[in-house]
């Protein structure tokens, strides 16, 4: 088994000695187990970070897709608003024409002499007496 040298503060060395004694291990075995445990924990943490990175990348892709869809929806909305303004303009134009035509019809009808009702209508409604 290869050997490694480590420099520890006196308080860390005293703590390692007391913990090793509690567990019935030598100082060397306790420190080796602590280093191995720290390495296993670090590897586990790295795996969790890698999984979280994958999740973050997945969320980024989904966010980019949603942003793209939002931009497209905003463009569609702008097109619809423009079309609605054009249609509103057409409706206003037509309303103006209808009002003008109604006014022209009323002016023309005022100038025309009152015509008697048709003979059939007069007989049906009993108006024939007034037009004779």
Protein backbone atom coordinates (compact mmCIF):
# COMPACT_ATOMS: atom_id res chain seq x y z
CA UNK A 1 0.00 0.00 0.00
CA UNK A 2 1.47 3.40 -0.96
CA UNK A 3 2.19 5.92 1.74
CA UNK A 4 1.23 9.57 1.81
CA UNK A 5 2.41 12.32 4.05
CA UNK A 6 0.01 14.97 5.36
CA UNK A 7 0.63 18.06 7.44
CA UNK A 8 -2.03 18.69 10.09
CA UNK A 9 -2.38 21.32 12.76
CA UNK A 10 -1.89 20.11 16.29
CA UNK A 11 -5.58 20.51 17.11
CA UNK A 12 -6.59 18.48 14.01
CA UNK A 13 -4.06 15.79 14.95
CA UNK A 14 -5.36 15.64 18.55
CA UNK A 15 -8.95 15.39 17.25
CA UNK A 16 -7.94 12.59 14.85
CA UNK A 17 -6.19 10.74 17.67
CA UNK A 18 -9.22 10.99 20.00
CA UNK A 19 -11.68 9.88 17.30
CA UNK A 20 -9.40 7.01 16.26
CA UNK A 21 -9.17 5.87 19.89
CA UNK A 22 -13.01 6.01 20.22
CA UNK A 23 -13.38 3.76 17.17
CA UNK A 24 -10.52 1.47 18.12
CA UNK A 25 -8.43 2.35 15.06
CA UNK A 26 -4.92 3.56 14.58
CA UNK A 27 -4.37 7.19 13.65
CA UNK A 28 -3.26 6.14 10.18
CA UNK A 29 -6.34 3.92 9.61
CA UNK A 30 -8.69 6.65 10.88
CA UNK A 31 -7.17 9.32 8.63
CA UNK A 32 -7.19 6.93 5.64
CA UNK A 33 -10.88 6.15 6.25
CA UNK A 34 -11.66 9.88 6.59
CA UNK A 35 -9.89 10.68 3.31
CA UNK A 36 -11.62 7.81 1.53
CA UNK A 37 -14.99 8.89 2.89
CA UNK A 38 -14.36 12.47 1.77
CA UNK A 39 -13.39 11.24 -1.71
CA UNK A 40 -16.55 9.08 -1.97
CA UNK A 41 -18.66 12.05 -0.80
CA UNK A 42 -16.98 14.32 -3.35
CA UNK A 43 -17.67 11.80 -6.12
CA UNK A 44 -21.32 11.60 -5.05
CA UNK A 45 -21.54 15.40 -5.00
CA UNK A 46 -20.02 15.57 -8.47
CA UNK A 47 -22.54 13.05 -9.80
CA UNK A 48 -25.39 15.08 -8.30
CA UNK A 49 -23.99 18.24 -9.85
CA UNK A 50 -23.76 16.53 -13.24
CA UNK A 51 -27.40 15.43 -12.97
CA UNK A 52 -28.43 18.96 -11.99
CA UNK A 53 -26.46 20.36 -14.92
CA UNK A 54 -28.42 18.06 -17.26
CA UNK A 55 -31.69 19.25 -15.72
CA UNK A 56 -30.60 22.89 -16.09
CA UNK A 57 -29.68 22.34 -19.76
CA UNK A 58 -33.04 20.70 -20.36
CA UNK A 59 -34.84 23.63 -18.73
CA UNK A 60 -32.75 26.10 -20.76
CA UNK A 61 -33.78 24.37 -23.98
CA UNK A 62 -37.44 24.41 -22.94
CA UNK A 63 -37.17 28.08 -21.96
CA UNK A 64 -35.63 28.95 -25.33
CA UNK A 65 -38.43 27.11 -27.11
CA UNK A 66 -41.06 28.91 -25.03
CA UNK A 67 -39.35 32.24 -25.75
CA UNK A 68 -39.45 31.47 -29.45
CA UNK A 69 -43.15 30.59 -29.25
CA UNK A 70 -43.82 33.79 -27.30
CA UNK A 71 -42.06 35.88 -29.93
CA UNK A 72 -44.09 34.20 -32.67
CA UNK A 73 -47.30 34.80 -30.72
CA UNK A 74 -46.38 38.48 -30.31
CA UNK A 75 -45.79 38.78 -34.06
CA UNK A 76 -49.15 37.11 -34.74
CA UNK A 77 -50.82 39.47 -32.27
CA UNK A 78 -49.29 42.50 -34.00
CA UNK A 79 -50.55 41.22 -37.37
CA UNK A 80 -54.03 40.67 -35.96
CA UNK A 81 -54.09 44.14 -34.41
CA UNK A 82 -53.07 45.64 -37.74
CA UNK A 83 -55.79 43.69 -39.55
CA UNK A 84 -58.37 44.77 -36.96
CA UNK A 85 -57.41 48.44 -37.44
CA UNK A 86 -57.80 48.05 -41.19
CA UNK A 87 -61.22 46.41 -40.76
CA UNK A 88 -62.29 49.14 -38.32
CA UNK A 89 -61.33 51.70 -40.95
CA UNK A 90 -63.40 49.89 -43.56
CA UNK A 91 -66.40 49.68 -41.20
CA UNK A 92 -66.15 53.40 -40.43
CA UNK A 93 -65.98 54.16 -44.16
CA UNK A 94 -69.06 52.03 -44.85
CA UNK A 95 -71.00 53.58 -41.96
CA UNK A 96 -70.26 57.00 -43.34
CA UNK A 97 -71.50 55.96 -46.78
CA UNK A 98 -74.67 54.41 -45.33
CA UNK A 99 -75.37 57.60 -43.38
CA UNK A 100 -74.78 59.70 -46.49
CA UNK A 101 -77.02 57.45 -48.61
CA UNK A 102 -79.77 57.54 -45.97
CA UNK A 103 -79.61 61.31 -45.92
CA UNK A 104 -79.71 61.46 -49.74
CA UNK A 105 -82.71 59.12 -49.84
CA UNK A 106 -84.62 61.18 -47.29
CA UNK A 107 -83.84 64.38 -49.23
CA UNK A 108 -84.96 62.83 -52.51
CA UNK A 109 -88.14 61.39 -50.96
CA UNK A 110 -89.07 64.84 -49.61
CA UNK A 111 -88.88 66.28 -53.12
CA UNK A 112 -91.05 63.58 -54.72
CA UNK A 113 -94.84 63.98 -54.70
CA UNK A 114 -96.72 61.57 -52.53
CA UNK A 115 -97.88 58.69 -54.72
CA UNK A 116 -101.14 56.95 -54.02
CA UNK A 117 -100.94 53.31 -52.95
CA UNK A 118 -101.45 50.63 -55.55
CA UNK A 119 -105.04 49.64 -56.25
CA UNK A 120 -104.54 46.22 -54.70
CA UNK A 121 -103.08 47.68 -51.52
CA UNK A 122 -105.83 50.31 -51.31
CA UNK A 123 -108.58 47.65 -51.69
CA UNK A 124 -106.91 45.33 -49.23
CA UNK A 125 -106.53 48.00 -46.55
CA UNK A 126 -109.73 49.80 -47.29
CA UNK A 127 -108.01 52.99 -48.42
CA UNK A 128 -109.73 53.23 -51.77
CA UNK A 129 -112.20 55.79 -50.45
CA UNK A 130 -109.49 58.31 -49.65
CA UNK A 131 -107.89 58.21 -53.07
CA UNK A 132 -110.89 58.56 -55.27
